[in-house]
Amino acid sequence: MKLVEPPSCSSLSSIVFIGKNHRGQWIAQEQNGLYGGLFVSRAQAIKYALFENGQHPETIVELPREIELDMSKNPDLAQRAA
């Protein structure tokens, strides 16, 4: 019998947080700041997150609190730490 790792355990996918900022705009941001964006709707934020994370909906986390887009993180350092 061949064991298969469930998709949610994939180490290739990273967590993408989505939620609204203080102005009510939708944000999608990868946990280490590798990518992110500002969106008009929740649907567009999810579409972007899925495109960027290789179609892994299980790695998208919608936050109930406000989230602000932070593009000041250094993605090179985040990748080296991973």
Protein backbone atom coordinates (compact mmCIF):
# COMPACT_ATOMS: atom_id res chain seq x y z
CA MET A 1 0.00 0.00 0.00
CA LYS A 2 1.37 3.43 -0.98
CA LEU A 3 0.97 6.19 1.58
CA VAL A 4 0.16 9.63 0.22
CA GLU A 5 0.74 12.83 2.14
CA PRO A 6 -2.44 14.92 2.45
CA PRO A 7 -2.33 18.26 0.62
CA SER A 8 -2.59 20.26 3.85
CA CYS A 9 0.75 18.87 4.97
CA SER A 10 2.62 19.98 1.86
CA SER A 11 5.83 21.76 2.75
CA LEU A 12 5.88 23.59 -0.60
CA SER A 13 2.85 25.71 0.23
CA SER A 14 3.00 28.65 2.56
CA ILE A 15 0.23 30.25 4.57
CA VAL A 16 -1.52 33.22 2.98
CA PHE A 17 -3.49 35.50 5.28
CA ILE A 18 -6.48 37.40 3.94
CA GLY A 19 -8.62 39.97 5.69
CA LYS A 20 -9.69 43.59 5.68
CA ASN A 21 -7.53 46.56 6.58
CA HIS A 22 -8.65 49.58 8.63
CA ARG A 23 -10.16 51.14 5.48
CA GLY A 24 -12.23 48.05 4.66
CA GLN A 25 -10.05 47.01 1.71
CA TRP A 26 -9.12 43.36 1.27
CA ILE A 27 -5.52 42.26 1.85
CA ALA A 28 -3.78 39.02 0.88
CA GLN A 29 -0.29 38.48 2.28
CA GLU A 30 2.01 35.48 2.44
CA GLN A 31 3.14 34.77 6.00
CA ASN A 32 6.79 35.65 5.33
CA GLY A 33 6.05 38.68 3.18
CA LEU A 34 7.12 37.01 -0.07
CA TYR A 35 4.04 38.37 -1.85
CA GLY A 36 0.87 40.26 -1.11
CA GLY A 37 -1.59 42.76 -2.44
CA LEU A 38 -4.54 45.05 -1.91
CA PHE A 39 -7.91 44.03 -3.42
CA VAL A 40 -11.39 45.41 -3.98
CA SER A 41 -13.16 42.20 -2.93
CA ARG A 42 -12.69 39.04 -0.90
CA ALA A 43 -13.10 36.96 -4.06
CA GLN A 44 -10.21 38.77 -5.77
CA ALA A 45 -7.98 38.36 -2.69
CA ILE A 46 -8.68 34.61 -2.63
CA LYS A 47 -8.15 34.30 -6.39
CA TYR A 48 -4.76 35.99 -6.05
CA ALA A 49 -3.77 33.85 -3.05
CA LEU A 50 -4.66 30.67 -4.92
CA PHE A 51 -2.68 31.76 -7.98
CA GLU A 52 0.38 32.61 -5.91
CA ASN A 53 0.34 29.54 -3.66
CA GLY A 54 -0.15 26.95 -6.40
CA GLN A 55 -3.89 26.36 -5.92
CA HIS A 56 -3.77 25.27 -2.27
CA PRO A 57 -6.98 26.57 -0.64
CA GLU A 58 -6.12 24.76 2.58
CA THR A 59 -3.25 27.20 3.16
CA ILE A 60 -5.41 30.34 2.99
CA VAL A 61 -6.40 31.72 6.40
CA GLU A 62 -9.03 34.44 6.69
CA LEU A 63 -8.39 36.60 9.73
CA PRO A 64 -11.30 37.95 11.80
CA ARG A 65 -9.22 40.98 12.86
CA GLU A 66 -7.78 43.81 10.78
CA ILE A 67 -4.68 43.10 8.73
CA GLU A 68 -2.41 45.68 7.13
CA LEU A 69 -0.32 45.05 4.03
CA ASP A 70 3.32 45.00 5.14
CA MET A 71 5.76 45.20 2.25
CA SER A 72 8.69 46.13 4.52
CA LYS A 73 9.60 42.50 5.27
CA ASN A 74 12.75 41.16 3.64
CA PRO A 75 11.74 38.08 1.60
CA ASP A 76 15.38 37.00 1.18
CA LEU A 77 15.77 36.61 4.94
CA ALA A 78 12.43 34.80 5.21
CA GLN A 79 13.41 32.29 2.51
CA ARG A 80 16.77 31.59 4.17
CA ALA A 81 15.09 30.99 7.53
CA ALA A 82 12.60 28.50 6.03
